[in-house]
Amino acid sequence: GLDARLDHRDVPMADNSDLALAHEMNYVLTLDDFLQQLEA
């Protein structure tokens, strides 16, 4: 009975600039490109 008491919120996708707050931007961009290839 906890689910009904929670405030369920929308979840956006992070921007690459958000991820670069903690990660190397080159890593973020390289991983982004690689994972987009897997999507395709």
Full PDB file with SEQRES, HELIX, SHEET, SSBOND, CRYST1, ORIGX, SCALE, CONECT and MASTER records, all heavy atoms in Angstrom:
SEQRES   1 A   40  GLY LEU ASP ALA ARG LEU ASP HIS ARG ASP VAL PRO MET          
SEQRES   2 A   40  ALA ASP ASN SER ASP LEU ALA LEU ALA HIS GLU MET ASN          
SEQRES   3 A   40  TYR VAL LEU THR LEU ASP ASP PHE LEU GLN GLN LEU GLU          
SEQRES   4 A   40  ALA                                                          
HELIX    1 AA1 ASP A    3  ARG A    5  5                                   3    
HELIX    2 AA2 ASN A   16  LEU A   19  1                                   4    
HELIX    3 AA3 MET A   25  GLU A   39  1                                  15    
CRYST1    1.000    1.000    1.000  90.00  90.00  90.00 P 1           1          
ORIGX1      1.000000  0.000000  0.000000        0.00000                         
ORIGX2      0.000000  1.000000  0.000000        0.00000                         
ORIGX3      0.000000  0.000000  1.000000        0.00000                         
SCALE1      1.000000  0.000000  0.000000        0.00000                         
SCALE2      0.000000  1.000000  0.000000        0.00000                         
SCALE3      0.000000  0.000000  1.000000        0.00000                         
ATOM      1  N   GLY A   1       0.786  -1.220   0.000  1.00  0.00           N  
ATOM      2  CA  GLY A   1       0.000   0.000   0.000  1.00  0.00           C  
ATOM      3  C   GLY A   1       0.821   1.273   0.000  1.00  0.00           C  
ATOM      4  O   GLY A   1       0.290   2.362   0.257  1.00  0.00           O  
ATOM      5  N   LEU A   2       2.095   1.167  -0.334  1.00  0.00           N  
ATOM      6  CA  LEU A   2       2.972   2.334  -0.328  1.00  0.00           C  
ATOM      7  C   LEU A   2       2.912   3.105  -1.639  1.00  0.00           C  
ATOM      8  O   LEU A   2       3.089   4.324  -1.660  1.00  0.00           O  
ATOM      9  CB  LEU A   2       4.419   1.904  -0.053  1.00  0.00           C  
ATOM     10  CG  LEU A   2       4.661   1.183   1.274  1.00  0.00           C  
ATOM     11  CD1 LEU A   2       6.106   0.704   1.355  1.00  0.00           C  
ATOM     12  CD2 LEU A   2       4.328   2.095   2.452  1.00  0.00           C  
ATOM     13  N   ASP A   3       2.677   2.389  -2.723  1.00  0.00           N  
ATOM     14  CA  ASP A   3       2.683   3.006  -4.043  1.00  0.00           C  
ATOM     15  C   ASP A   3       1.717   4.184  -4.123  1.00  0.00           C  
ATOM     16  O   ASP A   3       2.056   5.236  -4.666  1.00  0.00           O  
ATOM     17  CB  ASP A   3       2.339   1.959  -5.101  1.00  0.00           C  
ATOM     18  CG  ASP A   3       2.320   2.527  -6.500  1.00  0.00           C  
ATOM     19  OD1 ASP A   3       3.399   2.808  -7.040  1.00  0.00           O  
ATOM     20  OD2 ASP A   3       1.214   2.699  -7.041  1.00  0.00           O  
ATOM     21  N   ALA A   4       0.530   4.016  -3.587  1.00  0.00           N  
ATOM     22  CA  ALA A   4      -0.494   5.064  -3.677  1.00  0.00           C  
ATOM     23  C   ALA A   4      -0.153   6.284  -2.839  1.00  0.00           C  
ATOM     24  O   ALA A   4      -0.704   7.370  -3.063  1.00  0.00           O  
ATOM     25  CB  ALA A   4      -1.850   4.500  -3.238  1.00  0.00           C  
ATOM     26  N   ARG A   5       0.765   6.137  -1.914  1.00  0.00           N  
ATOM     27  CA  ARG A   5       1.150   7.257  -1.048  1.00  0.00           C  
ATOM     28  C   ARG A   5       2.316   8.057  -1.617  1.00  0.00           C  
ATOM     29  O   ARG A   5       2.639   9.136  -1.100  1.00  0.00           O  
ATOM     30  CB  ARG A   5       1.512   6.741   0.349  1.00  0.00           C  
ATOM     31  CG  ARG A   5       0.346   6.059   1.062  1.00  0.00           C  
ATOM     32  CD  ARG A   5       0.812   5.321   2.314  1.00  0.00           C  
ATOM     33  NE  ARG A   5       1.504   6.210   3.231  1.00  0.00           N  
ATOM     34  CZ  ARG A   5       2.167   5.776   4.307  1.00  0.00           C  
ATOM     35  NH1 ARG A   5       2.252   4.469   4.565  1.00  0.00           N  
ATOM     36  NH2 ARG A   5       2.771   6.632   5.112  1.00  0.00           N  
ATOM     37  N   LEU A   6       2.945   7.530  -2.642  1.00  0.00           N  
ATOM     38  CA  LEU A   6       4.106   8.191  -3.225  1.00  0.00           C  
ATOM     39  C   LEU A   6       3.673   9.209  -4.272  1.00  0.00           C  
ATOM     40  O   LEU A   6       2.635   9.076  -4.913  1.00  0.00           O  
ATOM     41  CB  LEU A   6       5.023   7.162  -3.881  1.00  0.00           C  
ATOM     42  CG  LEU A   6       5.700   6.161  -2.936  1.00  0.00           C  
ATOM     43  CD1 LEU A   6       6.294   5.004  -3.729  1.00  0.00           C  
ATOM     44  CD2 LEU A   6       6.766   6.845  -2.093  1.00  0.00           C  
ATOM     45  N   ASP A   7       4.499  10.225  -4.461  1.00  0.00           N  
ATOM     46  CA  ASP A   7       4.287  11.233  -5.503  1.00  0.00           C  
ATOM     47  C   ASP A   7       5.102  10.810  -6.722  1.00  0.00           C  
ATOM     48  O   ASP A   7       6.318  11.005  -6.778  1.00  0.00           O  
ATOM     49  CB  ASP A   7       4.732  12.601  -4.988  1.00  0.00           C  
ATOM     50  CG  ASP A   7       4.393  13.737  -5.939  1.00  0.00           C  
ATOM     51  OD1 ASP A   7       4.076  13.458  -7.110  1.00  0.00           O  
ATOM     52  OD2 ASP A   7       4.460  14.907  -5.508  1.00  0.00           O  
ATOM     53  N   HIS A   8       4.433  10.194  -7.685  1.00  0.00           N  
ATOM     54  CA  HIS A   8       5.118   9.691  -8.881  1.00  0.00           C  
ATOM     55  C   HIS A   8       5.431  10.859  -9.810  1.00  0.00           C  
ATOM     56  O   HIS A   8       4.541  11.609 -10.195  1.00  0.00           O  
ATOM     57  CB  HIS A   8       4.252   8.658  -9.582  1.00  0.00           C  
ATOM     58  CG  HIS A   8       4.076   7.399  -8.791  1.00  0.00           C  
ATOM     59  ND1 HIS A   8       4.706   6.225  -9.116  1.00  0.00           N  
ATOM     60  CD2 HIS A   8       3.347   7.137  -7.672  1.00  0.00           C  
ATOM     61  CE1 HIS A   8       4.368   5.283  -8.257  1.00  0.00           C  
ATOM     62  NE2 HIS A   8       3.539   5.817  -7.365  1.00  0.00           N  
ATOM     63  N   ARG A   9       6.685  10.974 -10.202  1.00  0.00           N  
ATOM     64  CA  ARG A   9       7.143  12.120 -10.979  1.00  0.00           C  
ATOM     65  C   ARG A   9       7.654  11.710 -12.358  1.00  0.00           C  
ATOM     66  O   ARG A   9       8.165  10.605 -12.545  1.00  0.00           O  
ATOM     67  CB  ARG A   9       8.262  12.845 -10.219  1.00  0.00           C  
ATOM     68  CG  ARG A   9       7.803  13.514  -8.913  1.00  0.00           C  
ATOM     69  CD  ARG A   9       6.745  14.584  -9.190  1.00  0.00           C  
ATOM     70  NE  ARG A   9       6.378  15.335  -8.016  1.00  0.00           N  
ATOM     71  CZ  ARG A   9       6.859  16.552  -7.706  1.00  0.00           C  
ATOM     72  NH1 ARG A   9       7.729  17.135  -8.518  1.00  0.00           N  
ATOM     73  NH2 ARG A   9       6.454  17.164  -6.622  1.00  0.00           N  
ATOM     74  N   ASP A  10       7.529  12.644 -13.296  1.00  0.00           N  
ATOM     75  CA  ASP A  10       8.096  12.440 -14.622  1.00  0.00           C  
ATOM     76  C   ASP A  10       9.622  12.422 -14.536  1.00  0.00           C  
ATOM     77  O   ASP A  10      10.220  13.124 -13.710  1.00  0.00           O  
ATOM     78  CB  ASP A  10       7.664  13.558 -15.576  1.00  0.00           C  
ATOM     79  CG  ASP A  10       6.185  13.503 -15.906  1.00  0.00           C  
ATOM     80  OD1 ASP A  10       5.609  12.402 -15.829  1.00  0.00           O  
ATOM     81  OD2 ASP A  10       5.616  14.564 -16.229  1.00  0.00           O  
ATOM     82  N   VAL A  11      10.215  11.632 -15.401  1.00  0.00           N  
ATOM     83  CA  VAL A  11      11.672  11.501 -15.418  1.00  0.00           C  
ATOM     84  C   VAL A  11      12.187  11.871 -16.801  1.00  0.00           C  
ATOM     85  O   VAL A  11      11.968  11.144 -17.774  1.00  0.00           O  
ATOM     86  CB  VAL A  11      12.108  10.070 -15.051  1.00  0.00           C  
ATOM     87  CG1 VAL A  11      13.603   9.892 -15.277  1.00  0.00           C  
ATOM     88  CG2 VAL A  11      11.743   9.766 -13.604  1.00  0.00           C  
ATOM     89  N   PRO A  12      12.893  12.989 -16.929  1.00  0.00           N  
ATOM     90  CA  PRO A  12      13.484  13.358 -18.215  1.00  0.00           C  
ATOM     91  C   PRO A  12      14.780  12.590 -18.461  1.00  0.00           C  
ATOM     92  O   PRO A  12      15.343  11.987 -17.545  1.00  0.00           O  
ATOM     93  CB  PRO A  12      13.771  14.846 -18.036  1.00  0.00           C  
ATOM     94  CG  PRO A  12      14.091  14.969 -16.579  1.00  0.00           C  
ATOM     95  CD  PRO A  12      13.192  13.984 -15.878  1.00  0.00           C  
ATOM     96  N   MET A  13      15.249  12.619 -19.683  1.00  0.00           N  
ATOM     97  CA  MET A  13      16.585  12.114 -19.966  1.00  0.00           C  
ATOM     98  C   MET A  13      17.593  13.196 -19.612  1.00  0.00           C  
ATOM     99  O   MET A  13      17.374  14.377 -19.866  1.00  0.00           O  
ATOM    100  CB  MET A  13      16.712  11.722 -21.434  1.00  0.00           C  
ATOM    101  CG  MET A  13      15.830  10.562 -21.832  1.00  0.00           C  
ATOM    102  SD  MET A  13      16.028  10.050 -23.555  1.00  0.00           S  
ATOM    103  CE  MET A  13      17.618   9.216 -23.477  1.00  0.00           C  
ATOM    104  N   ALA A  14      18.685  12.801 -19.006  1.00  0.00           N  
ATOM    105  CA  ALA A  14      19.749  13.759 -18.713  1.00  0.00           C  
ATOM    106  C   ALA A  14      20.335  14.286 -20.015  1.00  0.00           C  
ATOM    107  O   ALA A  14      20.334  13.609 -21.049  1.00  0.00           O  
ATOM    108  CB  ALA A  14      20.840  13.091 -17.888  1.00  0.00           C  
ATOM    109  N   ASP A  15      20.828  15.511 -19.979  1.00  0.00           N  
ATOM    110  CA  ASP A  15      21.604  16.049 -21.083  1.00  0.00           C  
ATOM    111  C   ASP A  15      23.057  15.614 -20.927  1.00  0.00           C  
ATOM    112  O   ASP A  15      23.535  15.352 -19.814  1.00  0.00           O  
ATOM    113  CB  ASP A  15      21.544  17.582 -21.086  1.00  0.00           C  
ATOM    114  CG  ASP A  15      20.158  18.111 -21.423  1.00  0.00           C  
ATOM    115  OD1 ASP A  15      19.427  17.442 -22.184  1.00  0.00           O  
ATOM    116  OD2 ASP A  15      19.812  19.193 -20.909  1.00  0.00           O  
ATOM    117  N   ASN A  16      23.776  15.586 -22.043  1.00  0.00           N  
ATOM    118  CA  ASN A  16      25.199  15.243 -21.953  1.00  0.00           C  
ATOM    119  C   ASN A  16      25.961  16.232 -21.088  1.00  0.00           C  
ATOM    120  O   ASN A  16      26.919  15.865 -20.404  1.00  0.00           O  
ATOM    121  CB  ASN A  16      25.805  15.166 -23.349  1.00  0.00           C  
ATOM    122  CG  ASN A  16      25.379  13.920 -24.101  1.00  0.00           C  
ATOM    123  OD1 ASN A  16      24.836  12.984 -23.506  1.00  0.00           O  
ATOM    124  ND2 ASN A  16      25.601  13.897 -25.405  1.00  0.00           N  
ATOM    125  N   SER A  17      25.531  17.469 -21.074  1.00  0.00           N  
ATOM    126  CA  SER A  17      26.185  18.464 -20.216  1.00  0.00           C  
ATOM    127  C   SER A  17      25.957  18.152 -18.740  1.00  0.00           C  
ATOM    128  O   SER A  17      26.822  18.431 -17.904  1.00  0.00           O  
ATOM    129  CB  SER A  17      25.677  19.872 -20.555  1.00  0.00           C  
ATOM    130  OG  SER A  17      24.270  19.955 -20.380  1.00  0.00           O  
ATOM    131  N   ASP A  18      24.801  17.560 -18.414  1.00  0.00           N  
ATOM    132  CA  ASP A  18      24.566  17.124 -17.039  1.00  0.00           C  
ATOM    133  C   ASP A  18      25.542  16.018 -16.654  1.00  0.00           C  
ATOM    134  O   ASP A  18      26.131  16.034 -15.562  1.00  0.00           O  
ATOM    135  CB  ASP A  18      23.141  16.576 -16.875  1.00  0.00           C  
ATOM    136  CG  ASP A  18      22.056  17.599 -17.118  1.00  0.00           C  
ATOM    137  OD1 ASP A  18      22.242  18.764 -16.718  1.00  0.00           O  
ATOM    138  OD2 ASP A  18      21.027  17.237 -17.718  1.00  0.00           O  
ATOM    139  N   LEU A  19      25.705  15.059 -17.528  1.00  0.00           N  
ATOM    140  CA  LEU A  19      26.583  13.927 -17.244  1.00  0.00           C  
ATOM    141  C   LEU A  19      28.034  14.371 -17.112  1.00  0.00           C  
ATOM    142  O   LEU A  19      28.805  13.807 -16.329  1.00  0.00           O  
ATOM    143  CB  LEU A  19      26.443  12.884 -18.350  1.00  0.00           C  
ATOM    144  CG  LEU A  19      25.016  12.329 -18.530  1.00  0.00           C  
ATOM    145  CD1 LEU A  19      24.930  11.489 -19.790  1.00  0.00           C  
ATOM    146  CD2 LEU A  19      24.590  11.541 -17.313  1.00  0.00           C  
ATOM    147  N   ALA A  20      28.400  15.418 -17.853  1.00  0.00           N  
ATOM    148  CA  ALA A  20      29.772  15.923 -17.811  1.00  0.00           C  
ATOM    149  C   ALA A  20      30.086  16.647 -16.501  1.00  0.00           C  
ATOM    150  O   ALA A  20      31.250  17.002 -16.266  1.00  0.00           O  
ATOM    151  CB  ALA A  20      30.031  16.843 -19.000  1.00  0.00           C  
ATOM    152  N   LEU A  21      29.098  16.866 -15.656  1.00  0.00           N  
ATOM    153  CA  LEU A  21      29.390  17.388 -14.322  1.00  0.00           C  
ATOM    154  C   LEU A  21      30.236  16.399 -13.520  1.00  0.00           C  
ATOM    155  O   LEU A  21      30.993  16.794 -12.638  1.00  0.00           O  
ATOM    156  CB  LEU A  21      28.086  17.674 -13.563  1.00  0.00           C  
ATOM    157  CG  LEU A  21      27.211  18.801 -14.098  1.00  0.00           C  
ATOM    158  CD1 LEU A  21      25.857  18.787 -13.401  1.00  0.00           C  
ATOM    159  CD2 LEU A  21      27.899  20.154 -13.907  1.00  0.00           C  
ATOM    160  N   ALA A  22      30.090  15.100 -13.824  1.00  0.00           N  
ATOM    161  CA  ALA A  22      30.809  14.074 -13.081  1.00  0.00           C  
ATOM    162  C   ALA A  22      31.726  13.222 -13.949  1.00  0.00           C  
ATOM    163  O   ALA A  22      32.588  12.522 -13.419  1.00  0.00           O  
ATOM    164  CB  ALA A  22      29.808  13.160 -12.354  1.00  0.00           C  
ATOM    165  N   HIS A  23      31.521  13.260 -15.259  1.00  0.00           N  
ATOM    166  CA  HIS A  23      32.271  12.390 -16.160  1.00  0.00           C  
ATOM    167  C   HIS A  23      33.024  13.206 -17.204  1.00  0.00           C  
ATOM    168  O   HIS A  23      32.650  14.344 -17.503  1.00  0.00           O  
ATOM    169  CB  HIS A  23      31.324  11.419 -16.872  1.00  0.00           C  
ATOM    170  CG  HIS A  23      30.678  10.441 -15.952  1.00  0.00           C  
ATOM    171  ND1 HIS A  23      31.312   9.310 -15.503  1.00  0.00           N  
ATOM    172  CD2 HIS A  23      29.433  10.439 -15.380  1.00  0.00           C  
ATOM    173  CE1 HIS A  23      30.505   8.638 -14.704  1.00  0.00           C  
ATOM    174  NE2 HIS A  23      29.358   9.307 -14.602  1.00  0.00           N  
ATOM    175  N   GLU A  24      34.066  12.612 -17.761  1.00  0.00           N  
ATOM    176  CA  GLU A  24      34.783  13.248 -18.857  1.00  0.00           C  
ATOM    177  C   GLU A  24      33.850  13.374 -20.060  1.00  0.00           C  
ATOM    178  O   GLU A  24      33.192  12.406 -20.437  1.00  0.00           O  
ATOM    179  CB  GLU A  24      36.005  12.423 -19.233  1.00  0.00           C  
ATOM    180  CG  GLU A  24      37.029  12.284 -18.111  1.00  0.00           C  
ATOM    181  CD  GLU A  24      38.082  11.216 -18.407  1.00  0.00           C  
ATOM    182  OE1 GLU A  24      38.007  10.606 -19.505  1.00  0.00           O  
ATOM    183  OE2 GLU A  24      38.946  10.990 -17.546  1.00  0.00           O  
ATOM    184  N   MET A  25      33.808  14.545 -20.657  1.00  0.00           N  
ATOM    185  CA  MET A  25      32.904  14.745 -21.784  1.00  0.00           C  
ATOM    186  C   MET A  25      33.235  13.799 -22.936  1.00  0.00           C  
ATOM    187  O   MET A  25      32.319  13.299 -23.623  1.00  0.00           O  
ATOM    188  CB  MET A  25      32.941  16.200 -22.266  1.00  0.00           C  
ATOM    189  CG  MET A  25      32.005  16.476 -23.438  1.00  0.00           C  
ATOM    190  SD  MET A  25      30.254  16.084 -23.119  1.00  0.00           S  
ATOM    191  CE  MET A  25      29.706  17.672 -22.456  1.00  0.00           C  
ATOM    192  N   ASN A  26      34.492  13.509 -23.166  1.00  0.00           N  
ATOM    193  CA  ASN A  26      34.849  12.586 -24.237  1.00  0.00           C  
ATOM    194  C   ASN A  26      34.253  11.210 -23.983  1.00  0.00           C  
ATOM    195  O   ASN A  26      33.779  10.539 -24.921  1.00  0.00           O  
ATOM    196  CB  ASN A  26      36.368  12.483 -24.372  1.00  0.00           C  
ATOM    197  CG  ASN A  26      36.768  11.585 -25.529  1.00  0.00           C  
ATOM    198  OD1 ASN A  26      36.475  11.864 -26.683  1.00  0.00           O  
ATOM    199  ND2 ASN A  26      37.458  10.492 -25.207  1.00  0.00           N  
ATOM    200  N   TYR A  27      34.255  10.787 -22.731  1.00  0.00           N  
ATOM    201  CA  TYR A  27      33.635   9.503 -22.377  1.00  0.00           C  
ATOM    202  C   TYR A  27      32.142   9.540 -22.656  1.00  0.00           C  
ATOM    203  O   TYR A  27      31.580   8.596 -23.238  1.00  0.00           O  
ATOM    204  CB  TYR A  27      33.900   9.206 -20.899  1.00  0.00           C  
ATOM    205  CG  TYR A  27      33.050   8.096 -20.324  1.00  0.00           C  
ATOM    206  CD1 TYR A  27      33.277   6.771 -20.675  1.00  0.00           C  
ATOM    207  CD2 TYR A  27      32.027   8.374 -19.416  1.00  0.00           C  
ATOM    208  CE1 TYR A  27      32.500   5.746 -20.140  1.00  0.00           C  
ATOM    209  CE2 TYR A  27      31.252   7.366 -18.879  1.00  0.00           C  
ATOM    210  CZ  TYR A  27      31.494   6.054 -19.243  1.00  0.00           C  
ATOM    211  OH  TYR A  27      30.720   5.044 -18.716  1.00  0.00           O  
ATOM    212  N   VAL A  28      31.472  10.612 -22.247  1.00  0.00           N  
ATOM    213  CA  VAL A  28      30.024  10.737 -22.456  1.00  0.00           C  
ATOM    214  C   VAL A  28      29.686  10.675 -23.941  1.00  0.00           C  
ATOM    215  O   VAL A  28      28.788   9.938 -24.363  1.00  0.00           O  
ATOM    216  CB  VAL A  28      29.499  12.046 -21.833  1.00  0.00           C  
ATOM    217  CG1 VAL A  28      28.021  12.255 -22.169  1.00  0.00           C  
ATOM    218  CG2 VAL A  28      29.711  12.051 -20.319  1.00  0.00           C  
ATOM    219  N   LEU A  29      30.417  11.437 -24.753  1.00  0.00           N  
ATOM    220  CA  LEU A  29      30.121  11.504 -26.181  1.00  0.00           C  
ATOM    221  C   LEU A  29      30.439  10.196 -26.888  1.00  0.00           C  
ATOM    222  O   LEU A  29      29.691   9.753 -27.769  1.00  0.00           O  
ATOM    223  CB  LEU A  29      30.903  12.655 -26.821  1.00  0.00           C  
ATOM    224  CG  LEU A  29      30.525  14.063 -26.337  1.00  0.00           C  
ATOM    225  CD1 LEU A  29      31.433  15.096 -26.975  1.00  0.00           C  
ATOM    226  CD2 LEU A  29      29.062  14.370 -26.631  1.00  0.00           C  
ATOM    227  N   THR A  30      31.557   9.564 -26.507  1.00  0.00           N  
ATOM    228  CA  THR A  30      31.924   8.289 -27.122  1.00  0.00           C  
ATOM    229  C   THR A  30      30.899   7.211 -26.786  1.00  0.00           C  
ATOM    230  O   THR A  30      30.475   6.431 -27.658  1.00  0.00           O  
ATOM    231  CB  THR A  30      33.324   7.855 -26.656  1.00  0.00           C  
ATOM    232  OG1 THR A  30      34.281   8.852 -27.030  1.00  0.00           O  
ATOM    233  CG2 THR A  30      33.715   6.524 -27.279  1.00  0.00           C  
ATOM    234  N   LEU A  31      30.476   7.156 -25.520  1.00  0.00           N  
ATOM    235  CA  LEU A  31      29.475   6.182 -25.112  1.00  0.00           C  
ATOM    236  C   LEU A  31      28.135   6.466 -25.788  1.00  0.00           C  
ATOM    237  O   LEU A  31      27.436   5.538 -26.233  1.00  0.00           O  
ATOM    238  CB  LEU A  31      29.322   6.197 -23.588  1.00  0.00           C  
ATOM    239  CG  LEU A  31      28.397   5.137 -22.981  1.00  0.00           C  
ATOM    240  CD1 LEU A  31      28.871   3.734 -23.334  1.00  0.00           C  
ATOM    241  CD2 LEU A  31      28.311   5.314 -21.461  1.00  0.00           C  
ATOM    242  N   ASP A  32      27.785   7.737 -25.893  1.00  0.00           N  
ATOM    243  CA  ASP A  32      26.539   8.122 -26.560  1.00  0.00           C  
ATOM    244  C   ASP A  32      26.535   7.621 -28.005  1.00  0.00           C  
ATOM    245  O   ASP A  32      25.563   7.007 -28.472  1.00  0.00           O  
ATOM    246  CB  ASP A  32      26.394   9.643 -26.510  1.00  0.00           C  
ATOM    247  CG  ASP A  32      25.001  10.112 -26.909  1.00  0.00           C  
ATOM    248  OD1 ASP A  32      24.123   9.275 -27.161  1.00  0.00           O  
ATOM    249  OD2 ASP A  32      24.788  11.339 -26.963  1.00  0.00           O  
ATOM    250  N   ASP A  33      27.611   7.848 -28.718  1.00  0.00           N  
ATOM    251  CA  ASP A  33      27.704   7.404 -30.111  1.00  0.00           C  
ATOM    252  C   ASP A  33      27.632   5.884 -30.217  1.00  0.00           C  
ATOM    253  O   ASP A  33      26.918   5.335 -31.072  1.00  0.00           O  
ATOM    254  CB  ASP A  33      29.001   7.921 -30.721  1.00  0.00           C  
ATOM    255  CG  ASP A  33      29.153   7.540 -32.181  1.00  0.00           C  
ATOM    256  OD1 ASP A  33      28.347   8.005 -33.006  1.00  0.00           O  
ATOM    257  OD2 ASP A  33      30.065   6.749 -32.495  1.00  0.00           O  
ATOM    258  N   PHE A  34      28.336   5.196 -29.344  1.00  0.00           N  
ATOM    259  CA  PHE A  34      28.359   3.734 -29.362  1.00  0.00           C  
ATOM    260  C   PHE A  34      26.966   3.165 -29.099  1.00  0.00           C  
ATOM    261  O   PHE A  34      26.511   2.251 -29.806  1.00  0.00           O  
ATOM    262  CB  PHE A  34      29.347   3.236 -28.310  1.00  0.00           C  
ATOM    263  CG  PHE A  34      29.370   1.743 -28.133  1.00  0.00           C  
ATOM    264  CD1 PHE A  34      29.977   0.923 -29.067  1.00  0.00           C  
ATOM    265  CD2 PHE A  34      28.774   1.151 -27.020  1.00  0.00           C  
ATOM    266  CE1 PHE A  34      30.000  -0.460 -28.901  1.00  0.00           C  
ATOM    267  CE2 PHE A  34      28.791  -0.226 -26.845  1.00  0.00           C  
ATOM    268  CZ  PHE A  34      29.407  -1.026 -27.791  1.00  0.00           C  
ATOM    269  N   LEU A  35      26.273   3.709 -28.099  1.00  0.00           N  
ATOM    270  CA  LEU A  35      24.954   3.188 -27.747  1.00  0.00           C  
ATOM    271  C   LEU A  35      23.909   3.526 -28.815  1.00  0.00           C  
ATOM    272  O   LEU A  35      22.973   2.747 -29.040  1.00  0.00           O  
ATOM    273  CB  LEU A  35      24.525   3.718 -26.381  1.00  0.00           C  
ATOM    274  CG  LEU A  35      25.386   3.243 -25.202  1.00  0.00           C  
ATOM    275  CD1 LEU A  35      24.897   3.866 -23.902  1.00  0.00           C  
ATOM    276  CD2 LEU A  35      25.403   1.722 -25.088  1.00  0.00           C  
ATOM    277  N   GLN A  36      24.060   4.663 -29.472  1.00  0.00           N  
ATOM    278  CA  GLN A  36      23.160   4.969 -30.585  1.00  0.00           C  
ATOM    279  C   GLN A  36      23.362   3.982 -31.739  1.00  0.00           C  
ATOM    280  O   GLN A  36      22.394   3.622 -32.426  1.00  0.00           O  
ATOM    281  CB  GLN A  36      23.373   6.406 -31.056  1.00  0.00           C  
ATOM    282  CG  GLN A  36      22.821   7.450 -30.082  1.00  0.00           C  
ATOM    283  CD  GLN A  36      22.789   8.835 -30.691  1.00  0.00           C  
ATOM    284  OE1 GLN A  36      22.170   9.050 -31.721  1.00  0.00           O  
ATOM    285  NE2 GLN A  36      23.459   9.777 -30.044  1.00  0.00           N  
ATOM    286  N   GLN A  37      24.586   3.541 -31.952  1.00  0.00           N  
ATOM    287  CA  GLN A  37      24.833   2.520 -32.974  1.00  0.00           C  
ATOM    288  C   GLN A  37      24.127   1.213 -32.622  1.00  0.00           C  
ATOM    289  O   GLN A  37      23.559   0.545 -33.495  1.00  0.00           O  
ATOM    290  CB  GLN A  37      26.332   2.276 -33.122  1.00  0.00           C  
ATOM    291  CG  GLN A  37      27.093   3.437 -33.738  1.00  0.00           C  
ATOM    292  CD  GLN A  37      28.570   3.130 -33.879  1.00  0.00           C  
ATOM    293  OE1 GLN A  37      28.962   2.022 -34.241  1.00  0.00           O  
ATOM    294  NE2 GLN A  37      29.413   4.100 -33.576  1.00  0.00           N  
ATOM    295  N   LEU A  38      24.136   0.841 -31.339  1.00  0.00           N  
ATOM    296  CA  LEU A  38      23.441  -0.375 -30.915  1.00  0.00           C  
ATOM    297  C   LEU A  38      21.934  -0.237 -31.099  1.00  0.00           C  
ATOM    298  O   LEU A  38      21.257  -1.205 -31.456  1.00  0.00           O  
ATOM    299  CB  LEU A  38      23.761  -0.698 -29.453  1.00  0.00           C  
ATOM    300  CG  LEU A  38      25.211  -1.039 -29.107  1.00  0.00           C  
ATOM    301  CD1 LEU A  38      25.297  -1.545 -27.679  1.00  0.00           C  
ATOM    302  CD2 LEU A  38      25.790  -2.064 -30.068  1.00  0.00           C  
ATOM    303  N   GLU A  39      21.403   0.964 -30.843  1.00  0.00           N  
ATOM    304  CA  GLU A  39      19.982   1.199 -31.092  1.00  0.00           C  
ATOM    305  C   GLU A  39      19.646   0.947 -32.560  1.00  0.00           C  
ATOM    306  O   GLU A  39      18.586   0.395 -32.890  1.00  0.00           O  
ATOM    307  CB  GLU A  39      19.604   2.638 -30.718  1.00  0.00           C  
ATOM    308  CG  GLU A  39      19.552   2.924 -29.229  1.00  0.00           C  
ATOM    309  CD  GLU A  39      19.162   4.356 -28.924  1.00  0.00           C  
ATOM    310  OE1 GLU A  39      19.466   5.245 -29.757  1.00  0.00           O  
ATOM    311  OE2 GLU A  39      18.574   4.601 -27.864  1.00  0.00           O  
ATOM    312  N   ALA A  40      20.551   1.361 -33.437  1.00  0.00           N  
ATOM    313  CA  ALA A  40      20.297   1.236 -34.872  1.00  0.00           C  
ATOM    314  C   ALA A  40      20.465  -0.194 -35.374  1.00  0.00           C  
ATOM    315  O   ALA A  40      19.731  -0.639 -36.260  1.00  0.00           O  
ATOM    316  CB  ALA A  40      21.232   2.177 -35.638  1.00  0.00           C  
TER     317      ALA A  40                                                      
MASTER        0    0    0    3    0    0    0    6  316    1    0    4          
END                                                                             
